[in-house]
Amino acid sequence: MKNIVIAIDGFSSCGKSTMAKALARNIGYLYFDSGAMYRAVALYCMQNNMIQEGNIDIKALRSKISEIEITFQADPETKNSITFLNGVNVEHEIRSLEVSRFVSQVAAIDFVRTEMVDRQREMGKAKGIVMDGRDIGTTVFPQAEMKVFVTASAEVRAQRRYDELTARGDKANFQEILENVLQRDHIDQTREVSPLKKADDALLLDNSHMTREEQMEWLIEEFNKLTKEC
């Protein structure tokens, strides 16, 4: 059985990262969170005063994009991927609602997208990886052997995000989160560079009413089918 590339795309707050991490652990693959890369860039912009009145300073970001180092390390206990920005663990910071407000805007910038896609492709050269994001199966790895497109209703996704934030002890407002989810959906689907869309050969997974166990059972079944054919 040869190693393959698994691309998991879909809307924000569908649980793609949690799903992809669990799948990678189950099948012994490496996991890369492409969304964390864009979140790290957004955090870098916030830390370096590149966001003024809700707008990204494109010129300033372009001059610094090559200096933004994003790496991943596996947590020794959970085996989950931890995101580092220029050597600093920022896994908690990049999941904040404040970063969420700007991540789609940052991800829509053409040179940011090009830079991150190049880095993601480099990560996947050896195969045996699971990567999730918005354009993994359409732009980053259009030849991926297994593609999954995940969706769920906006209300379900907002509730999941609310539960995630409150579980961490962060203040959260459901209506504000729902508005953010809808805004990100619009930006992700209408941006000029690599808009969010289902690849023609992607498997569709609506997990609105599925447990994590049911999702994993479905993914493993599809993985086993495809790897037997490869």
C-alpha atoms as a PDB file:
ATOM      1  CA  MET A   1       0.000   0.000   0.000  1.00  0.00           C
ATOM      2  CA  LYS A   2       1.640   3.238  -1.109  1.00  0.00           C
ATOM      3  CA  ASN A   3       1.323   6.535   0.717  1.00  0.00           C
ATOM      4  CA  ILE A   4      -1.092   9.086  -0.702  1.00  0.00           C
ATOM      5  CA  VAL A   5      -2.020  12.744  -0.210  1.00  0.00           C
ATOM      6  CA  ILE A   6      -5.338  13.392   1.547  1.00  0.00           C
ATOM      7  CA  ALA A   7      -6.851  16.837   0.964  1.00  0.00           C
ATOM      8  CA  ILE A   8      -9.683  17.950   3.256  1.00  0.00           C
ATOM      9  CA  ASP A   9     -11.386  21.216   2.287  1.00  0.00           C
ATOM     10  CA  GLY A  10     -14.526  22.949   3.448  1.00  0.00           C
ATOM     11  CA  PHE A  11     -16.164  25.837   5.234  1.00  0.00           C
ATOM     12  CA  SER A  12     -14.859  27.408   8.424  1.00  0.00           C
ATOM     13  CA  SER A  13     -15.711  25.734  11.748  1.00  0.00           C
ATOM     14  CA  CYS A  14     -16.693  22.439  10.130  1.00  0.00           C
ATOM     15  CA  GLY A  15     -14.223  20.630  12.359  1.00  0.00           C
ATOM     16  CA  LYS A  16     -11.853  19.959   9.459  1.00  0.00           C
ATOM     17  CA  SER A  17      -8.706  20.299  11.541  1.00  0.00           C
ATOM     18  CA  THR A  18      -9.949  18.049  14.336  1.00  0.00           C
ATOM     19  CA  MET A  19     -11.071  15.507  11.751  1.00  0.00           C
ATOM     20  CA  ALA A  20      -7.819  15.679   9.787  1.00  0.00           C
ATOM     21  CA  LYS A  21      -5.669  15.353  12.914  1.00  0.00           C
ATOM     22  CA  ALA A  22      -7.590  12.292  14.079  1.00  0.00           C
ATOM     23  CA  LEU A  23      -7.434  10.704  10.635  1.00  0.00           C
ATOM     24  CA  ALA A  24      -3.676  11.257  10.418  1.00  0.00           C
ATOM     25  CA  ARG A  25      -3.191   9.632  13.837  1.00  0.00           C
ATOM     26  CA  ASN A  26      -5.352   6.668  12.869  1.00  0.00           C
ATOM     27  CA  ILE A  27      -3.518   5.890   9.636  1.00  0.00           C
ATOM     28  CA  GLY A  28      -0.021   6.942  10.702  1.00  0.00           C
ATOM     29  CA  TYR A  29       0.245   9.966   8.383  1.00  0.00           C
ATOM     30  CA  LEU A  30       1.655  13.435   9.026  1.00  0.00           C
ATOM     31  CA  TYR A  31      -0.833  16.264   9.530  1.00  0.00           C
ATOM     32  CA  PHE A  32      -0.477  19.843   8.308  1.00  0.00           C
ATOM     33  CA  ASP A  33      -2.986  22.587   9.137  1.00  0.00           C
ATOM     34  CA  SER A  34      -2.919  24.981   6.182  1.00  0.00           C
ATOM     35  CA  GLY A  35      -5.477  27.236   7.858  1.00  0.00           C
ATOM     36  CA  ALA A  36      -3.090  27.708  10.779  1.00  0.00           C
ATOM     37  CA  MET A  37      -0.572  29.162   8.336  1.00  0.00           C
ATOM     38  CA  TYR A  38      -2.961  31.921   7.266  1.00  0.00           C
ATOM     39  CA  ARG A  39      -3.959  32.482  10.889  1.00  0.00           C
ATOM     40  CA  ALA A  40      -0.282  32.872  11.779  1.00  0.00           C
ATOM     41  CA  VAL A  41       0.133  35.489   9.047  1.00  0.00           C
ATOM     42  CA  ALA A  42      -2.936  37.327  10.361  1.00  0.00           C
ATOM     43  CA  LEU A  43      -1.493  37.217  13.890  1.00  0.00           C
ATOM     44  CA  TYR A  44       1.835  38.538  12.572  1.00  0.00           C
ATOM     45  CA  CYS A  45      -0.022  41.462  10.986  1.00  0.00           C
ATOM     46  CA  MET A  46      -1.771  42.201  14.291  1.00  0.00           C
ATOM     47  CA  GLN A  47       1.470  42.004  16.260  1.00  0.00           C
ATOM     48  CA  ASN A  48       3.266  44.343  13.850  1.00  0.00           C
ATOM     49  CA  ASN A  49       0.584  47.034  13.465  1.00  0.00           C
ATOM     50  CA  MET A  50      -0.234  46.055   9.886  1.00  0.00           C
ATOM     51  CA  ILE A  51      -3.988  46.296  10.439  1.00  0.00           C
ATOM     52  CA  GLN A  52      -5.439  49.781  10.585  1.00  0.00           C
ATOM     53  CA  GLU A  53      -9.196  50.403  10.861  1.00  0.00           C
ATOM     54  CA  GLY A  54      -9.886  46.839   9.787  1.00  0.00           C
ATOM     55  CA  ASN A  55      -7.698  46.951   6.684  1.00  0.00           C
ATOM     56  CA  ILE A  56      -4.439  45.104   6.001  1.00  0.00           C
ATOM     57  CA  ASP A  57      -1.386  47.203   5.142  1.00  0.00           C
ATOM     58  CA  ILE A  58      -0.618  45.305   1.924  1.00  0.00           C
ATOM     59  CA  LYS A  59       2.656  47.106   1.208  1.00  0.00           C
ATOM     60  CA  ALA A  60       4.050  46.447   4.685  1.00  0.00           C
ATOM     61  CA  LEU A  61       3.002  42.782   4.608  1.00  0.00           C
ATOM     62  CA  ARG A  62       4.545  42.251   1.172  1.00  0.00           C
ATOM     63  CA  SER A  63       7.882  43.577   2.423  1.00  0.00           C
ATOM     64  CA  LYS A  64       7.875  41.140   5.366  1.00  0.00           C
ATOM     65  CA  ILE A  65       6.227  37.988   3.963  1.00  0.00           C
ATOM     66  CA  SER A  66       9.559  36.207   3.395  1.00  0.00           C
ATOM     67  CA  GLU A  67      10.482  36.809   7.049  1.00  0.00           C
ATOM     68  CA  ILE A  68       7.371  35.082   8.392  1.00  0.00           C
ATOM     69  CA  GLU A  69       8.519  31.598   9.376  1.00  0.00           C
ATOM     70  CA  ILE A  70       5.734  29.127  10.125  1.00  0.00           C
ATOM     71  CA  THR A  71       6.594  25.662  11.381  1.00  0.00           C
ATOM     72  CA  PHE A  72       4.760  22.754  12.965  1.00  0.00           C
ATOM     73  CA  GLN A  73       5.762  20.419  15.781  1.00  0.00           C
ATOM     74  CA  ALA A  74       3.912  17.448  17.215  1.00  0.00           C
ATOM     75  CA  ASP A  75       2.767  17.730  20.829  1.00  0.00           C
ATOM     76  CA  PRO A  76       4.624  14.913  22.645  1.00  0.00           C
ATOM     77  CA  GLU A  77       1.504  13.969  24.625  1.00  0.00           C
ATOM     78  CA  THR A  78      -1.446  14.493  22.265  1.00  0.00           C
ATOM     79  CA  LYS A  79       0.521  14.102  19.001  1.00  0.00           C
ATOM     80  CA  ASN A  80      -1.475  17.063  17.684  1.00  0.00           C
ATOM     81  CA  SER A  81       0.222  19.638  15.494  1.00  0.00           C
ATOM     82  CA  ILE A  82       1.401  22.832  17.239  1.00  0.00           C
ATOM     83  CA  THR A  83       1.922  26.000  15.197  1.00  0.00           C
ATOM     84  CA  PHE A  84       5.030  28.127  15.679  1.00  0.00           C
ATOM     85  CA  LEU A  85       5.438  31.663  14.337  1.00  0.00           C
ATOM     86  CA  ASN A  86       9.079  32.675  14.072  1.00  0.00           C
ATOM     87  CA  GLY A  87       9.962  30.101  16.712  1.00  0.00           C
ATOM     88  CA  VAL A  88       7.172  30.991  19.165  1.00  0.00           C
ATOM     89  CA  ASN A  89       4.278  28.670  20.007  1.00  0.00           C
ATOM     90  CA  VAL A  90       1.145  30.574  18.897  1.00  0.00           C
ATOM     91  CA  GLU A  91      -1.330  27.685  18.761  1.00  0.00           C
ATOM     92  CA  HIS A  92      -3.646  29.315  21.314  1.00  0.00           C
ATOM     93  CA  GLU A  93      -3.374  32.869  19.957  1.00  0.00           C
ATOM     94  CA  ILE A  94      -4.221  31.975  16.349  1.00  0.00           C
ATOM     95  CA  ARG A  95      -7.509  30.355  17.412  1.00  0.00           C
ATOM     96  CA  SER A  96      -8.901  33.575  18.916  1.00  0.00           C
ATOM     97  CA  LEU A  97     -11.979  35.284  17.496  1.00  0.00           C
ATOM     98  CA  GLU A  98      -9.850  38.407  16.916  1.00  0.00           C
ATOM     99  CA  VAL A  99      -7.594  36.492  14.528  1.00  0.00           C
ATOM    100  CA  SER A 100     -10.671  34.898  12.940  1.00  0.00           C
ATOM    101  CA  ARG A 101     -11.919  38.356  12.001  1.00  0.00           C
ATOM    102  CA  PHE A 102      -8.933  38.947   9.736  1.00  0.00           C
ATOM    103  CA  VAL A 103      -7.812  35.533   8.544  1.00  0.00           C
ATOM    104  CA  SER A 104     -10.060  35.373   5.445  1.00  0.00           C
ATOM    105  CA  GLN A 105      -8.996  38.886   4.472  1.00  0.00           C
ATOM    106  CA  VAL A 106      -5.331  37.923   4.777  1.00  0.00           C
ATOM    107  CA  ALA A 107      -5.872  34.640   2.927  1.00  0.00           C
ATOM    108  CA  ALA A 108      -7.441  36.504  -0.004  1.00  0.00           C
ATOM    109  CA  ILE A 109      -4.228  38.486  -0.689  1.00  0.00           C
ATOM    110  CA  ASP A 110      -2.641  37.069  -3.840  1.00  0.00           C
ATOM    111  CA  PHE A 111       1.029  37.083  -2.782  1.00  0.00           C
ATOM    112  CA  VAL A 112       0.187  35.612   0.638  1.00  0.00           C
ATOM    113  CA  ARG A 113      -1.748  32.812  -1.039  1.00  0.00           C
ATOM    114  CA  THR A 114       1.074  32.136  -3.503  1.00  0.00           C
ATOM    115  CA  GLU A 115       3.677  32.025  -0.730  1.00  0.00           C
ATOM    116  CA  MET A 116       1.653  29.690   1.483  1.00  0.00           C
ATOM    117  CA  VAL A 117       0.712  27.361  -1.389  1.00  0.00           C
ATOM    118  CA  ASP A 118       4.385  27.008  -2.350  1.00  0.00           C
ATOM    119  CA  ARG A 119       5.243  26.099   1.250  1.00  0.00           C
ATOM    120  CA  GLN A 120       2.363  23.619   1.476  1.00  0.00           C
ATOM    121  CA  ARG A 121       3.390  21.869  -1.732  1.00  0.00           C
ATOM    122  CA  GLU A 122       6.901  21.502  -0.384  1.00  0.00           C
ATOM    123  CA  MET A 123       5.486  19.843   2.744  1.00  0.00           C
ATOM    124  CA  GLY A 124       3.560  17.320   0.663  1.00  0.00           C
ATOM    125  CA  LYS A 125       6.288  16.140  -1.680  1.00  0.00           C
ATOM    126  CA  ALA A 126       6.960  12.958   0.284  1.00  0.00           C
ATOM    127  CA  LYS A 127       3.216  12.114   0.470  1.00  0.00           C
ATOM    128  CA  GLY A 128       1.799  10.262   3.450  1.00  0.00           C
ATOM    129  CA  ILE A 129       0.135  13.482   4.642  1.00  0.00           C
ATOM    130  CA  VAL A 130      -3.274  14.829   5.567  1.00  0.00           C
ATOM    131  CA  MET A 131      -3.747  18.548   4.924  1.00  0.00           C
ATOM    132  CA  ASP A 132      -6.885  20.579   5.473  1.00  0.00           C
ATOM    133  CA  GLY A 133      -7.873  24.039   4.310  1.00  0.00           C
ATOM    134  CA  ARG A 134      -9.936  25.852   1.675  1.00  0.00           C
ATOM    135  CA  ASP A 135      -8.104  25.056  -1.576  1.00  0.00           C
ATOM    136  CA  ILE A 136      -6.020  21.961  -0.884  1.00  0.00           C
ATOM    137  CA  GLY A 137      -7.831  19.702  -3.356  1.00  0.00           C
ATOM    138  CA  THR A 138      -8.340  22.397  -5.992  1.00  0.00           C
ATOM    139  CA  THR A 139      -5.096  24.410  -5.943  1.00  0.00           C
ATOM    140  CA  VAL A 140      -2.423  23.017  -3.628  1.00  0.00           C
ATOM    141  CA  PHE A 141      -2.772  19.317  -4.484  1.00  0.00           C
ATOM    142  CA  PRO A 142      -5.171  18.992  -7.437  1.00  0.00           C
ATOM    143  CA  GLN A 143      -3.786  15.471  -8.025  1.00  0.00           C
ATOM    144  CA  ALA A 144      -4.397  14.319  -4.437  1.00  0.00           C
ATOM    145  CA  GLU A 145      -5.549  10.713  -4.387  1.00  0.00           C
ATOM    146  CA  MET A 146      -8.217  11.387  -1.732  1.00  0.00           C
ATOM    147  CA  LYS A 147     -10.212  14.606  -1.572  1.00  0.00           C
ATOM    148  CA  VAL A 148     -12.957  15.396   0.917  1.00  0.00           C
ATOM    149  CA  PHE A 149     -15.143  18.516   0.980  1.00  0.00           C
ATOM    150  CA  VAL A 150     -16.746  19.150   4.380  1.00  0.00           C
ATOM    151  CA  THR A 151     -19.831  21.252   4.978  1.00  0.00           C
ATOM    152  CA  ALA A 152     -22.390  21.968   7.713  1.00  0.00           C
ATOM    153  CA  SER A 153     -25.024  24.620   8.323  1.00  0.00           C
ATOM    154  CA  ALA A 154     -23.793  28.061   9.416  1.00  0.00           C
ATOM    155  CA  GLU A 155     -25.722  27.776  12.693  1.00  0.00           C
ATOM    156  CA  VAL A 156     -24.164  24.423  13.544  1.00  0.00           C
ATOM    157  CA  ARG A 157     -20.696  25.753  12.756  1.00  0.00           C
ATOM    158  CA  ALA A 158     -21.234  28.884  14.854  1.00  0.00           C
ATOM    159  CA  GLN A 159     -22.381  26.752  17.798  1.00  0.00           C
ATOM    160  CA  ARG A 160     -19.282  24.569  17.517  1.00  0.00           C
ATOM    161  CA  ARG A 161     -17.057  27.642  17.505  1.00  0.00           C
ATOM    162  CA  TYR A 162     -18.951  29.093  20.494  1.00  0.00           C
ATOM    163  CA  ASP A 163     -18.547  25.831  22.433  1.00  0.00           C
ATOM    164  CA  GLU A 164     -14.832  25.696  21.572  1.00  0.00           C
ATOM    165  CA  LEU A 165     -14.181  29.238  22.797  1.00  0.00           C
ATOM    166  CA  THR A 166     -16.201  28.931  26.004  1.00  0.00           C
ATOM    167  CA  ALA A 167     -14.545  25.594  26.803  1.00  0.00           C
ATOM    168  CA  ARG A 168     -11.209  27.412  26.701  1.00  0.00           C
ATOM    169  CA  GLY A 169     -12.535  30.082  29.039  1.00  0.00           C
ATOM    170  CA  ASP A 170     -12.754  32.778  26.358  1.00  0.00           C
ATOM    171  CA  LYS A 171     -15.666  35.209  26.218  1.00  0.00           C
ATOM    172  CA  ALA A 172     -17.961  34.447  23.294  1.00  0.00           C
ATOM    173  CA  ASN A 173     -21.163  35.808  21.778  1.00  0.00           C
ATOM    174  CA  PHE A 174     -23.091  33.400  19.538  1.00  0.00           C
ATOM    175  CA  GLN A 175     -24.570  36.065  17.254  1.00  0.00           C
ATOM    176  CA  GLU A 176     -21.177  37.682  16.753  1.00  0.00           C
ATOM    177  CA  ILE A 177     -19.653  34.304  15.908  1.00  0.00           C
ATOM    178  CA  LEU A 178     -22.472  33.493  13.460  1.00  0.00           C
ATOM    179  CA  GLU A 179     -21.941  36.815  11.682  1.00  0.00           C
ATOM    180  CA  ASN A 180     -18.201  36.043  11.484  1.00  0.00           C
ATOM    181  CA  VAL A 181     -18.901  32.597  10.022  1.00  0.00           C
ATOM    182  CA  LEU A 182     -21.181  34.044   7.334  1.00  0.00           C
ATOM    183  CA  GLN A 183     -18.708  36.816   6.535  1.00  0.00           C
ATOM    184  CA  ARG A 184     -15.858  34.327   6.171  1.00  0.00           C
ATOM    185  CA  ASP A 185     -18.011  32.105   3.944  1.00  0.00           C
ATOM    186  CA  HIS A 186     -18.648  35.038   1.625  1.00  0.00           C
ATOM    187  CA  ILE A 187     -14.996  36.107   1.478  1.00  0.00           C
ATOM    188  CA  ASP A 188     -13.746  32.533   1.026  1.00  0.00           C
ATOM    189  CA  GLN A 189     -16.149  31.785  -1.831  1.00  0.00           C
ATOM    190  CA  THR A 190     -15.796  35.076  -3.710  1.00  0.00           C
ATOM    191  CA  ARG A 191     -12.075  35.865  -3.487  1.00  0.00           C
ATOM    192  CA  GLU A 192     -10.253  36.046  -6.816  1.00  0.00           C
ATOM    193  CA  VAL A 193      -7.379  33.756  -5.847  1.00  0.00           C
ATOM    194  CA  SER A 194      -8.235  30.102  -5.088  1.00  0.00           C
ATOM    195  CA  PRO A 195     -11.844  30.582  -3.957  1.00  0.00           C
ATOM    196  CA  LEU A 196     -13.401  27.940  -1.753  1.00  0.00           C
ATOM    197  CA  LYS A 197     -15.201  25.364  -3.881  1.00  0.00           C
ATOM    198  CA  LYS A 198     -15.654  21.616  -4.041  1.00  0.00           C
ATOM    199  CA  ALA A 199     -13.288  19.843  -6.427  1.00  0.00           C
ATOM    200  CA  ASP A 200     -15.172  17.840  -9.048  1.00  0.00           C
ATOM    201  CA  ASP A 201     -13.669  14.586  -7.779  1.00  0.00           C
ATOM    202  CA  ALA A 202     -14.000  15.341  -4.045  1.00  0.00           C
ATOM    203  CA  LEU A 203     -16.169  13.289  -1.713  1.00  0.00           C
ATOM    204  CA  LEU A 204     -18.866  15.388  -0.028  1.00  0.00           C
ATOM    205  CA  LEU A 205     -19.260  15.087   3.740  1.00  0.00           C
ATOM    206  CA  ASP A 206     -22.058  16.995   5.474  1.00  0.00           C
ATOM    207  CA  ASN A 207     -21.262  16.516   9.156  1.00  0.00           C
ATOM    208  CA  SER A 208     -24.025  18.746  10.566  1.00  0.00           C
ATOM    209  CA  HIS A 209     -25.496  15.851  12.525  1.00  0.00           C
ATOM    210  CA  MET A 210     -22.589  13.399  12.720  1.00  0.00           C
ATOM    211  CA  THR A 211     -20.545  12.500  15.768  1.00  0.00           C
ATOM    212  CA  ARG A 212     -16.760  12.498  15.547  1.00  0.00           C
ATOM    213  CA  GLU A 213     -16.829   8.714  15.716  1.00  0.00           C
ATOM    214  CA  GLU A 214     -19.232   8.508  12.770  1.00  0.00           C
ATOM    215  CA  GLN A 215     -17.075  10.901  10.750  1.00  0.00           C
ATOM    216  CA  MET A 216     -13.935   8.876  11.448  1.00  0.00           C
ATOM    217  CA  GLU A 217     -15.651   5.626  10.514  1.00  0.00           C
ATOM    218  CA  TRP A 218     -16.691   7.197   7.181  1.00  0.00           C
ATOM    219  CA  LEU A 219     -13.201   8.587   6.503  1.00  0.00           C
ATOM    220  CA  ILE A 220     -11.413   5.328   7.312  1.00  0.00           C
ATOM    221  CA  GLU A 221     -13.800   3.409   5.082  1.00  0.00           C
ATOM    222  CA  GLU A 222     -13.163   5.778   2.160  1.00  0.00           C
ATOM    223  CA  PHE A 223      -9.399   5.733   2.817  1.00  0.00           C
ATOM    224  CA  ASN A 224      -9.333   1.932   2.787  1.00  0.00           C
ATOM    225  CA  LYS A 225     -11.264   1.855  -0.483  1.00  0.00           C
ATOM    226  CA  LEU A 226      -8.893   4.265  -2.194  1.00  0.00           C
ATOM    227  CA  THR A 227      -5.636   2.780  -0.929  1.00  0.00           C
ATOM    228  CA  LYS A 228      -6.690  -0.683  -2.099  1.00  0.00           C
ATOM    229  CA  GLU A 229      -7.167   0.779  -5.577  1.00  0.00           C
ATOM    230  CA  CYS A 230      -3.806   2.623  -5.584  1.00  0.00           C
END
